[in-house]
N, C-alpha and C. Protein backbone atom coordinates (compact mmCIF):
# COMPACT_ATOMS: atom_id res chain seq x y z
N MET A 1 0.84 -1.19 0.00
CA MET A 1 0.00 0.00 0.00
C MET A 1 0.88 1.25 0.00
N ILE A 2 0.51 2.20 -0.83
CA ILE A 2 1.27 3.45 -0.95
C ILE A 2 0.54 4.54 -0.19
N LYS A 3 1.31 5.27 0.63
CA LYS A 3 0.78 6.43 1.37
C LYS A 3 1.72 7.60 1.14
N PHE A 4 1.19 8.79 1.33
CA PHE A 4 1.97 10.01 1.19
C PHE A 4 1.86 10.76 2.51
N ILE A 5 2.98 10.83 3.20
CA ILE A 5 3.03 11.38 4.55
C ILE A 5 3.70 12.75 4.49
N ARG A 6 3.04 13.74 5.04
CA ARG A 6 3.59 15.09 5.04
C ARG A 6 5.00 15.07 5.64
N LEU A 7 5.92 15.74 4.96
CA LEU A 7 7.30 15.81 5.42
C LEU A 7 7.36 16.46 6.80
N GLU A 8 8.09 15.82 7.71
CA GLU A 8 8.29 16.35 9.06
C GLU A 8 9.78 16.42 9.35
N GLU A 9 10.12 17.13 10.42
CA GLU A 9 11.52 17.25 10.80
C GLU A 9 12.20 15.90 10.95
N LYS A 10 11.49 14.92 11.46
CA LYS A 10 12.08 13.60 11.69
C LYS A 10 12.54 12.93 10.39
N HIS A 11 12.08 13.42 9.24
CA HIS A 11 12.45 12.83 7.95
C HIS A 11 13.69 13.49 7.33
N LEU A 12 14.14 14.60 7.88
CA LEU A 12 15.15 15.41 7.19
C LEU A 12 16.47 14.69 6.97
N LYS A 13 16.95 13.93 7.93
CA LYS A 13 18.21 13.20 7.74
C LYS A 13 18.07 12.17 6.63
N LEU A 14 16.94 11.50 6.58
CA LEU A 14 16.71 10.50 5.54
C LEU A 14 16.66 11.16 4.16
N VAL A 15 15.94 12.26 4.04
CA VAL A 15 15.86 12.97 2.76
C VAL A 15 17.25 13.45 2.35
N MET A 16 18.04 13.96 3.28
CA MET A 16 19.39 14.42 2.98
C MET A 16 20.24 13.25 2.47
N THR A 17 20.11 12.09 3.09
CA THR A 17 20.85 10.91 2.66
C THR A 17 20.45 10.49 1.25
N TRP A 18 19.15 10.48 0.97
CA TRP A 18 18.68 10.13 -0.38
C TRP A 18 19.23 11.10 -1.42
N ARG A 19 19.12 12.39 -1.13
CA ARG A 19 19.55 13.41 -2.10
C ARG A 19 21.04 13.35 -2.38
N ALA A 20 21.81 12.90 -1.40
CA ALA A 20 23.26 12.83 -1.57
C ALA A 20 23.70 11.58 -2.32
N ASN A 21 22.82 10.62 -2.47
CA ASN A 21 23.16 9.39 -3.20
C ASN A 21 23.41 9.74 -4.66
N PRO A 22 24.56 9.38 -5.20
CA PRO A 22 24.88 9.73 -6.59
C PRO A 22 23.84 9.25 -7.61
N GLU A 23 23.17 8.13 -7.35
CA GLU A 23 22.16 7.62 -8.27
C GLU A 23 20.90 8.49 -8.28
N VAL A 24 20.67 9.21 -7.21
CA VAL A 24 19.54 10.15 -7.15
C VAL A 24 20.02 11.53 -7.59
N ALA A 25 21.14 11.97 -7.05
CA ALA A 25 21.63 13.33 -7.26
C ALA A 25 21.91 13.66 -8.71
N LYS A 26 22.29 12.66 -9.51
CA LYS A 26 22.66 12.96 -10.89
C LYS A 26 21.50 13.52 -11.72
N TYR A 27 20.25 13.30 -11.28
CA TYR A 27 19.11 13.80 -12.01
C TYR A 27 18.43 15.00 -11.34
N LEU A 28 18.96 15.45 -10.22
CA LEU A 28 18.40 16.61 -9.53
C LEU A 28 19.07 17.88 -10.03
N PHE A 29 18.36 18.97 -9.99
CA PHE A 29 18.89 20.22 -10.51
C PHE A 29 19.90 20.87 -9.57
N THR A 30 19.81 20.55 -8.31
CA THR A 30 20.75 21.13 -7.36
C THR A 30 21.43 20.04 -6.56
N ASN A 31 22.68 20.30 -6.22
CA ASN A 31 23.39 19.42 -5.30
C ASN A 31 23.25 20.00 -3.90
N ILE A 32 23.32 19.15 -2.91
CA ILE A 32 23.21 19.65 -1.54
C ILE A 32 24.49 19.32 -0.79
N ASN A 33 24.74 20.12 0.20
CA ASN A 33 25.77 19.79 1.16
C ASN A 33 25.12 18.91 2.22
N GLN A 34 25.81 17.91 2.66
CA GLN A 34 25.25 17.07 3.71
C GLN A 34 25.41 17.81 5.04
N ASN A 35 24.55 18.78 5.22
CA ASN A 35 24.59 19.65 6.39
C ASN A 35 23.18 19.70 6.97
N ILE A 36 22.99 19.10 8.11
CA ILE A 36 21.64 19.01 8.68
C ILE A 36 21.09 20.39 9.03
N ASP A 37 21.95 21.34 9.39
CA ASP A 37 21.47 22.69 9.67
C ASP A 37 20.85 23.32 8.42
N GLU A 38 21.47 23.10 7.26
CA GLU A 38 20.89 23.60 6.01
C GLU A 38 19.56 22.92 5.72
N GLN A 39 19.46 21.63 6.03
CA GLN A 39 18.19 20.92 5.85
C GLN A 39 17.10 21.54 6.71
N TYR A 40 17.42 21.87 7.94
CA TYR A 40 16.42 22.48 8.82
C TYR A 40 16.02 23.86 8.32
N ARG A 41 16.98 24.64 7.80
CA ARG A 41 16.64 25.96 7.24
C ARG A 41 15.72 25.80 6.04
N TRP A 42 16.02 24.84 5.16
CA TRP A 42 15.17 24.57 4.01
C TRP A 42 13.77 24.15 4.46
N PHE A 43 13.70 23.26 5.43
CA PHE A 43 12.42 22.78 5.93
C PHE A 43 11.60 23.92 6.53
N ASN A 44 12.22 24.76 7.32
CA ASN A 44 11.50 25.89 7.93
C ASN A 44 10.99 26.86 6.86
N LYS A 45 11.75 27.04 5.81
CA LYS A 45 11.34 27.93 4.72
C LYS A 45 10.13 27.36 3.97
N ILE A 46 10.20 26.09 3.59
CA ILE A 46 9.09 25.52 2.81
C ILE A 46 7.85 25.30 3.66
N ASN A 47 8.04 25.14 4.95
CA ASN A 47 6.92 24.88 5.84
C ASN A 47 5.96 26.06 5.95
N ILE A 48 6.44 27.26 5.66
CA ILE A 48 5.58 28.44 5.72
C ILE A 48 5.20 28.94 4.32
N ASP A 49 5.63 28.20 3.29
CA ASP A 49 5.37 28.59 1.90
C ASP A 49 4.12 27.87 1.40
N ASP A 50 3.06 28.62 1.17
CA ASP A 50 1.78 28.05 0.74
C ASP A 50 1.82 27.53 -0.69
N THR A 51 2.88 27.83 -1.42
CA THR A 51 2.98 27.38 -2.81
C THR A 51 3.82 26.10 -2.93
N TYR A 52 4.13 25.49 -1.81
CA TYR A 52 5.00 24.31 -1.79
C TYR A 52 4.43 23.27 -0.84
N ARG A 53 4.38 22.02 -1.28
CA ARG A 53 3.96 20.90 -0.43
C ARG A 53 4.89 19.74 -0.70
N CYS A 54 5.21 19.00 0.33
CA CYS A 54 6.05 17.83 0.11
C CYS A 54 5.70 16.70 1.07
N TRP A 55 5.96 15.50 0.57
CA TRP A 55 5.59 14.28 1.28
C TRP A 55 6.71 13.24 1.19
N ILE A 56 6.68 12.35 2.14
CA ILE A 56 7.48 11.13 2.07
C ILE A 56 6.60 10.07 1.42
N ILE A 57 7.14 9.35 0.47
CA ILE A 57 6.43 8.24 -0.16
C ILE A 57 6.65 7.01 0.72
N ASP A 58 5.56 6.46 1.20
CA ASP A 58 5.61 5.31 2.11
C ASP A 58 5.02 4.10 1.39
N TYR A 59 5.79 3.02 1.34
CA TYR A 59 5.32 1.80 0.71
C TYR A 59 5.31 0.69 1.76
N ASN A 60 4.12 0.25 2.13
CA ASN A 60 3.97 -0.80 3.15
C ASN A 60 4.75 -0.49 4.43
N GLY A 61 4.67 0.77 4.86
CA GLY A 61 5.32 1.16 6.11
C GLY A 61 6.79 1.51 5.99
N ILE A 62 7.33 1.49 4.77
CA ILE A 62 8.74 1.80 4.54
C ILE A 62 8.85 3.11 3.77
N PRO A 63 9.56 4.10 4.31
CA PRO A 63 9.77 5.34 3.54
C PRO A 63 10.71 5.04 2.38
N ILE A 64 10.25 5.32 1.15
CA ILE A 64 11.07 4.97 -0.01
C ILE A 64 11.44 6.17 -0.87
N GLY A 65 10.81 7.32 -0.66
CA GLY A 65 11.13 8.44 -1.52
C GLY A 65 10.47 9.73 -1.11
N PHE A 66 10.63 10.71 -1.94
CA PHE A 66 10.21 12.09 -1.69
C PHE A 66 9.40 12.58 -2.88
N LEU A 67 8.34 13.33 -2.59
CA LEU A 67 7.45 13.86 -3.62
C LEU A 67 7.09 15.29 -3.25
N ASN A 68 7.07 16.18 -4.24
CA ASN A 68 6.71 17.56 -3.91
C ASN A 68 5.94 18.24 -5.03
N LEU A 69 5.19 19.24 -4.63
CA LEU A 69 4.58 20.20 -5.53
C LEU A 69 5.20 21.55 -5.21
N ALA A 70 5.53 22.30 -6.23
CA ALA A 70 6.11 23.62 -6.04
C ALA A 70 5.43 24.60 -6.98
N ALA A 71 5.62 25.86 -6.71
CA ALA A 71 5.04 26.92 -7.54
C ALA A 71 3.54 26.70 -7.74
N ILE A 72 2.85 26.32 -6.68
CA ILE A 72 1.41 26.11 -6.76
C ILE A 72 0.76 27.47 -7.01
N ASP A 73 0.10 27.57 -8.13
CA ASP A 73 -0.50 28.83 -8.57
C ASP A 73 -2.01 28.63 -8.61
N ARG A 74 -2.71 29.15 -7.61
CA ARG A 74 -4.16 28.96 -7.51
C ARG A 74 -4.95 29.89 -8.42
N ILE A 75 -4.29 30.87 -9.00
CA ILE A 75 -4.96 31.75 -9.96
C ILE A 75 -4.94 31.12 -11.35
N ASN A 76 -3.77 30.67 -11.78
CA ASN A 76 -3.64 30.06 -13.10
C ASN A 76 -3.81 28.55 -13.07
N LEU A 77 -4.06 28.00 -11.88
CA LEU A 77 -4.39 26.59 -11.69
C LEU A 77 -3.32 25.65 -12.24
N ARG A 78 -2.08 25.89 -11.80
CA ARG A 78 -0.97 25.06 -12.25
C ARG A 78 0.04 24.88 -11.13
N CYS A 79 0.91 23.90 -11.31
CA CYS A 79 1.99 23.67 -10.36
C CYS A 79 3.11 22.90 -11.04
N ASN A 80 4.20 22.85 -10.36
CA ASN A 80 5.35 22.07 -10.76
C ASN A 80 5.42 20.87 -9.83
N ALA A 81 5.89 19.74 -10.31
CA ALA A 81 5.96 18.55 -9.47
C ALA A 81 7.32 17.87 -9.63
N GLY A 82 7.74 17.21 -8.58
CA GLY A 82 8.99 16.46 -8.63
C GLY A 82 8.96 15.33 -7.63
N TYR A 83 9.77 14.33 -7.89
CA TYR A 83 9.86 13.21 -6.96
C TYR A 83 11.12 12.42 -7.24
N TYR A 84 11.49 11.60 -6.28
CA TYR A 84 12.53 10.61 -6.50
C TYR A 84 12.33 9.46 -5.53
N ILE A 85 12.78 8.31 -5.95
CA ILE A 85 12.80 7.13 -5.09
C ILE A 85 14.20 7.07 -4.49
N GLY A 86 14.28 7.24 -3.19
CA GLY A 86 15.57 7.25 -2.51
C GLY A 86 16.09 5.87 -2.16
N GLU A 87 15.17 4.96 -1.91
CA GLU A 87 15.55 3.57 -1.62
C GLU A 87 15.59 2.84 -2.96
N LEU A 88 16.80 2.64 -3.48
CA LEU A 88 16.98 2.23 -4.85
C LEU A 88 16.35 0.87 -5.18
N GLU A 89 16.20 0.01 -4.19
CA GLU A 89 15.58 -1.30 -4.46
C GLU A 89 14.09 -1.17 -4.78
N TYR A 90 13.51 0.02 -4.56
CA TYR A 90 12.10 0.26 -4.85
C TYR A 90 11.90 1.11 -6.11
N ARG A 91 12.95 1.31 -6.87
CA ARG A 91 12.86 2.15 -8.07
C ARG A 91 11.79 1.67 -9.04
N SER A 92 11.55 0.38 -9.07
CA SER A 92 10.55 -0.16 -10.01
C SER A 92 9.15 0.38 -9.73
N LEU A 93 8.93 0.96 -8.55
CA LEU A 93 7.64 1.54 -8.21
C LEU A 93 7.49 2.97 -8.74
N GLY A 94 8.55 3.52 -9.28
CA GLY A 94 8.56 4.92 -9.69
C GLY A 94 7.40 5.33 -10.58
N ALA A 95 7.10 4.54 -11.59
CA ALA A 95 6.02 4.89 -12.51
C ALA A 95 4.65 4.79 -11.86
N LEU A 96 4.54 4.00 -10.78
CA LEU A 96 3.25 3.85 -10.10
C LEU A 96 2.94 4.99 -9.14
N ILE A 97 3.95 5.72 -8.73
CA ILE A 97 3.77 6.81 -7.77
C ILE A 97 3.02 7.98 -8.40
N LEU A 98 3.38 8.32 -9.61
CA LEU A 98 2.87 9.55 -10.22
C LEU A 98 1.37 9.56 -10.46
N PRO A 99 0.73 8.47 -10.89
CA PRO A 99 -0.72 8.54 -11.07
C PRO A 99 -1.47 8.95 -9.80
N TYR A 100 -0.99 8.56 -8.64
CA TYR A 100 -1.61 9.01 -7.39
C TYR A 100 -1.52 10.53 -7.27
N LEU A 101 -0.35 11.06 -7.59
CA LEU A 101 -0.15 12.51 -7.51
C LEU A 101 -1.04 13.23 -8.52
N TYR A 102 -1.09 12.74 -9.74
CA TYR A 102 -1.88 13.42 -10.77
C TYR A 102 -3.36 13.45 -10.41
N ASN A 103 -3.86 12.34 -9.89
CA ASN A 103 -5.27 12.33 -9.48
C ASN A 103 -5.51 13.30 -8.33
N TYR A 104 -4.57 13.41 -7.42
CA TYR A 104 -4.69 14.36 -6.32
C TYR A 104 -4.70 15.80 -6.86
N VAL A 105 -3.74 16.10 -7.72
CA VAL A 105 -3.62 17.47 -8.25
C VAL A 105 -4.85 17.86 -9.07
N PHE A 106 -5.31 16.95 -9.93
CA PHE A 106 -6.39 17.30 -10.85
C PHE A 106 -7.78 17.12 -10.26
N LYS A 107 -7.96 16.14 -9.39
CA LYS A 107 -9.30 15.88 -8.84
C LYS A 107 -9.53 16.55 -7.49
N VAL A 108 -8.53 16.56 -6.63
CA VAL A 108 -8.70 17.12 -5.29
C VAL A 108 -8.37 18.61 -5.27
N MET A 109 -7.22 18.96 -5.83
CA MET A 109 -6.81 20.37 -5.84
C MET A 109 -7.46 21.15 -6.98
N SER A 110 -8.00 20.47 -7.96
CA SER A 110 -8.68 21.07 -9.12
C SER A 110 -7.77 21.98 -9.94
N LEU A 111 -6.49 21.62 -10.03
CA LEU A 111 -5.58 22.37 -10.90
C LEU A 111 -5.75 21.87 -12.33
N LYS A 112 -5.27 22.66 -13.27
CA LYS A 112 -5.44 22.35 -14.70
C LYS A 112 -4.15 21.88 -15.38
N LYS A 113 -2.99 22.13 -14.75
CA LYS A 113 -1.75 21.78 -15.41
C LYS A 113 -0.65 21.49 -14.38
N ILE A 114 0.17 20.48 -14.72
CA ILE A 114 1.44 20.22 -14.03
C ILE A 114 2.52 20.43 -15.08
N TYR A 115 3.53 21.18 -14.73
CA TYR A 115 4.61 21.42 -15.68
C TYR A 115 5.94 21.21 -14.97
N GLY A 116 6.97 21.07 -15.76
CA GLY A 116 8.27 20.86 -15.13
C GLY A 116 9.40 20.83 -16.12
N GLU A 117 10.55 20.52 -15.57
CA GLU A 117 11.78 20.40 -16.34
C GLU A 117 12.45 19.09 -15.95
N VAL A 118 13.05 18.44 -16.93
CA VAL A 118 13.75 17.18 -16.70
C VAL A 118 15.12 17.28 -17.37
N ILE A 119 16.16 16.91 -16.66
CA ILE A 119 17.48 16.85 -17.27
C ILE A 119 17.42 15.82 -18.40
N ALA A 120 17.88 16.20 -19.58
CA ALA A 120 17.71 15.39 -20.79
C ALA A 120 18.26 13.97 -20.64
N GLU A 121 19.29 13.79 -19.84
CA GLU A 121 19.87 12.46 -19.65
C GLU A 121 18.97 11.52 -18.86
N ASN A 122 17.92 12.04 -18.25
CA ASN A 122 17.02 11.21 -17.44
C ASN A 122 15.96 10.58 -18.36
N SER A 123 16.42 9.70 -19.23
CA SER A 123 15.52 9.11 -20.23
C SER A 123 14.43 8.25 -19.60
N ALA A 124 14.70 7.63 -18.47
CA ALA A 124 13.68 6.78 -17.83
C ALA A 124 12.46 7.61 -17.42
N ILE A 125 12.68 8.76 -16.79
CA ILE A 125 11.54 9.56 -16.35
C ILE A 125 10.84 10.22 -17.55
N LEU A 126 11.59 10.54 -18.59
CA LEU A 126 10.95 11.07 -19.79
C LEU A 126 10.02 10.04 -20.41
N LYS A 127 10.41 8.78 -20.41
CA LYS A 127 9.54 7.71 -20.93
C LYS A 127 8.30 7.55 -20.04
N ILE A 128 8.49 7.61 -18.74
CA ILE A 128 7.35 7.50 -17.81
C ILE A 128 6.39 8.66 -18.04
N HIS A 129 6.93 9.87 -18.16
CA HIS A 129 6.08 11.04 -18.39
C HIS A 129 5.32 10.90 -19.72
N ALA A 130 5.97 10.43 -20.76
CA ALA A 130 5.29 10.24 -22.04
C ALA A 130 4.16 9.22 -21.90
N LEU A 131 4.40 8.15 -21.17
CA LEU A 131 3.38 7.13 -20.92
C LEU A 131 2.16 7.74 -20.22
N HIS A 132 2.41 8.69 -19.32
CA HIS A 132 1.33 9.32 -18.56
C HIS A 132 0.65 10.46 -19.31
N GLY A 133 1.14 10.80 -20.48
CA GLY A 133 0.45 11.82 -21.28
C GLY A 133 1.10 13.18 -21.32
N TYR A 134 2.28 13.33 -20.73
CA TYR A 134 2.98 14.61 -20.83
C TYR A 134 3.36 14.86 -22.28
N ARG A 135 3.48 16.12 -22.59
CA ARG A 135 4.05 16.48 -23.89
C ARG A 135 5.26 17.37 -23.64
N GLN A 136 6.24 17.21 -24.52
CA GLN A 136 7.43 18.05 -24.44
C GLN A 136 7.12 19.36 -25.14
N VAL A 137 7.41 20.47 -24.48
CA VAL A 137 7.08 21.77 -25.04
C VAL A 137 8.30 22.61 -25.38
N GLY A 138 9.48 22.07 -25.09
CA GLY A 138 10.68 22.82 -25.42
C GLY A 138 11.93 22.22 -24.83
N ILE A 139 13.04 22.83 -25.17
CA ILE A 139 14.34 22.41 -24.65
C ILE A 139 15.13 23.66 -24.31
N TYR A 140 15.70 23.68 -23.13
CA TYR A 140 16.71 24.68 -22.79
C TYR A 140 18.06 24.01 -23.02
N ARG A 141 18.82 24.51 -23.96
CA ARG A 141 20.13 23.95 -24.27
C ARG A 141 21.15 24.38 -23.20
N GLU A 142 21.97 23.43 -22.80
CA GLU A 142 23.06 23.69 -21.83
C GLU A 142 22.58 24.57 -20.69
N HIS A 143 21.54 24.12 -20.04
CA HIS A 143 20.81 24.93 -19.05
C HIS A 143 21.24 24.68 -17.61
N VAL A 144 21.73 23.50 -17.31
CA VAL A 144 22.08 23.15 -15.93
C VAL A 144 23.54 22.71 -15.88
N LEU A 145 24.28 23.33 -14.97
CA LEU A 145 25.67 22.97 -14.76
C LEU A 145 25.78 22.06 -13.55
N LYS A 146 26.23 20.85 -13.78
CA LYS A 146 26.43 19.88 -12.69
C LYS A 146 27.80 19.25 -12.87
N ASP A 147 28.58 19.33 -11.83
CA ASP A 147 29.90 18.69 -11.83
C ASP A 147 30.73 19.07 -13.06
N GLY A 148 30.66 20.33 -13.43
CA GLY A 148 31.47 20.84 -14.53
C GLY A 148 30.93 20.57 -15.93
N ILE A 149 29.74 19.99 -16.03
CA ILE A 149 29.15 19.67 -17.33
C ILE A 149 27.80 20.38 -17.45
N PHE A 150 27.55 20.99 -18.62
CA PHE A 150 26.25 21.60 -18.88
C PHE A 150 25.32 20.57 -19.51
N TYR A 151 24.08 20.53 -19.01
CA TYR A 151 23.08 19.59 -19.50
C TYR A 151 21.89 20.35 -20.07
N ASP A 152 21.30 19.75 -21.11
CA ASP A 152 20.04 20.28 -21.65
C ASP A 152 18.92 19.93 -20.68
N THR A 153 17.88 20.75 -20.72
CA THR A 153 16.70 20.53 -19.90
C THR A 153 15.48 20.46 -20.82
N ILE A 154 14.68 19.42 -20.63
CA ILE A 154 13.47 19.22 -21.41
C ILE A 154 12.30 19.82 -20.63
N LEU A 155 11.52 20.68 -21.28
CA LEU A 155 10.33 21.29 -20.66
C LEU A 155 9.12 20.43 -20.99
N ILE A 156 8.32 20.12 -19.98
CA ILE A 156 7.18 19.22 -20.16
C ILE A 156 5.95 19.79 -19.48
N GLU A 157 4.78 19.31 -19.93
CA GLU A 157 3.53 19.68 -19.28
C GLU A 157 2.51 18.56 -19.43
N LEU A 158 1.65 18.48 -18.43
CA LEU A 158 0.53 17.54 -18.45
C LEU A 158 -0.72 18.32 -18.10
N LEU A 159 -1.70 18.30 -18.99
CA LEU A 159 -2.96 19.00 -18.76
C LEU A 159 -3.96 18.05 -18.13
N ALA A 160 -4.80 18.59 -17.27
CA ALA A 160 -5.82 17.79 -16.60
C ALA A 160 -6.69 17.05 -17.61
N GLU A 161 -7.09 17.73 -18.66
CA GLU A 161 -7.98 17.09 -19.64
C GLU A 161 -7.31 15.88 -20.29
N SER A 162 -6.02 15.94 -20.54
CA SER A 162 -5.30 14.79 -21.11
C SER A 162 -5.23 13.65 -20.11
N TRP A 163 -4.92 13.99 -18.87
CA TRP A 163 -4.81 12.96 -17.83
C TRP A 163 -6.15 12.28 -17.57
N LEU A 164 -7.18 13.05 -17.42
CA LEU A 164 -8.48 12.50 -17.04
C LEU A 164 -9.12 11.65 -18.14
N ARG A 165 -8.67 11.80 -19.37
CA ARG A 165 -9.15 10.93 -20.46
C ARG A 165 -8.57 9.51 -20.36
N GLN A 166 -7.47 9.37 -19.64
CA GLN A 166 -6.81 8.07 -19.51
C GLN A 166 -7.48 7.27 -18.39
N LYS A 167 -8.42 6.49 -18.71
CA LYS A 167 -9.23 5.77 -17.71
C LYS A 167 -8.43 4.75 -16.91
N ARG A 168 -7.36 4.21 -17.47
CA ARG A 168 -6.63 3.14 -16.78
C ARG A 168 -5.97 3.59 -15.47
N TYR A 169 -5.80 4.88 -15.27
CA TYR A 169 -5.12 5.38 -14.08
C TYR A 169 -6.06 5.98 -13.03
N GLN A 170 -7.32 6.05 -13.30
CA GLN A 170 -8.23 6.78 -12.42
C GLN A 170 -8.43 6.11 -11.06
N GLN A 171 -8.13 4.83 -10.94
CA GLN A 171 -8.30 4.14 -9.66
C GLN A 171 -7.14 4.39 -8.69
N TYR A 172 -6.10 5.08 -9.13
CA TYR A 172 -4.95 5.37 -8.26
C TYR A 172 -5.29 6.56 -7.36
N VAL A 173 -5.86 6.26 -6.23
CA VAL A 173 -6.28 7.29 -5.28
C VAL A 173 -5.64 6.99 -3.94
N ALA A 174 -5.09 8.03 -3.32
CA ALA A 174 -4.46 7.88 -2.01
C ALA A 174 -4.72 9.14 -1.20
N ILE A 175 -4.51 9.01 0.08
CA ILE A 175 -4.61 10.16 0.97
C ILE A 175 -3.25 10.84 1.04
N PHE A 176 -3.27 12.14 0.89
CA PHE A 176 -2.05 12.95 1.03
C PHE A 176 -2.20 13.72 2.34
N ASP A 177 -1.40 13.35 3.34
CA ASP A 177 -1.46 14.06 4.63
C ASP A 177 -1.15 15.52 4.45
């Protein structure tokens, strides 16, 4: 069973460990210092930001990853979304996590669009997004500098109307604390 638990202070060390894992970090836009004080500052900042929500992905009582919504815009009815599976043995669940989020965003929050950016080398998530109905809307060339290398960024979007037409995913419903 998959649950989404609101991020709490007690999760910060685990999230920091996941983000520092090279297999996770290579696809994230920012690198972090393994500094728990910085984690607490980040947590305190997002905790008072009404345009940001984040959860721990829990699978059968095991925290396996992180999921967030950012830039929640209640006027234009859109947001940005991101996630990663930090416990690498559960990576195969990655494609199953997102339909829960999409149903929450489009049915519960009543937003009209999820948009985002993906580092071009992250072909696995681009395939998952295509399967879920995202469309690529552009490319930023040499947009992200990581470890001395510039990477292209793929711009993507998923509209509520496209998602809701896909009947096979509508049963993916979960509670988001």
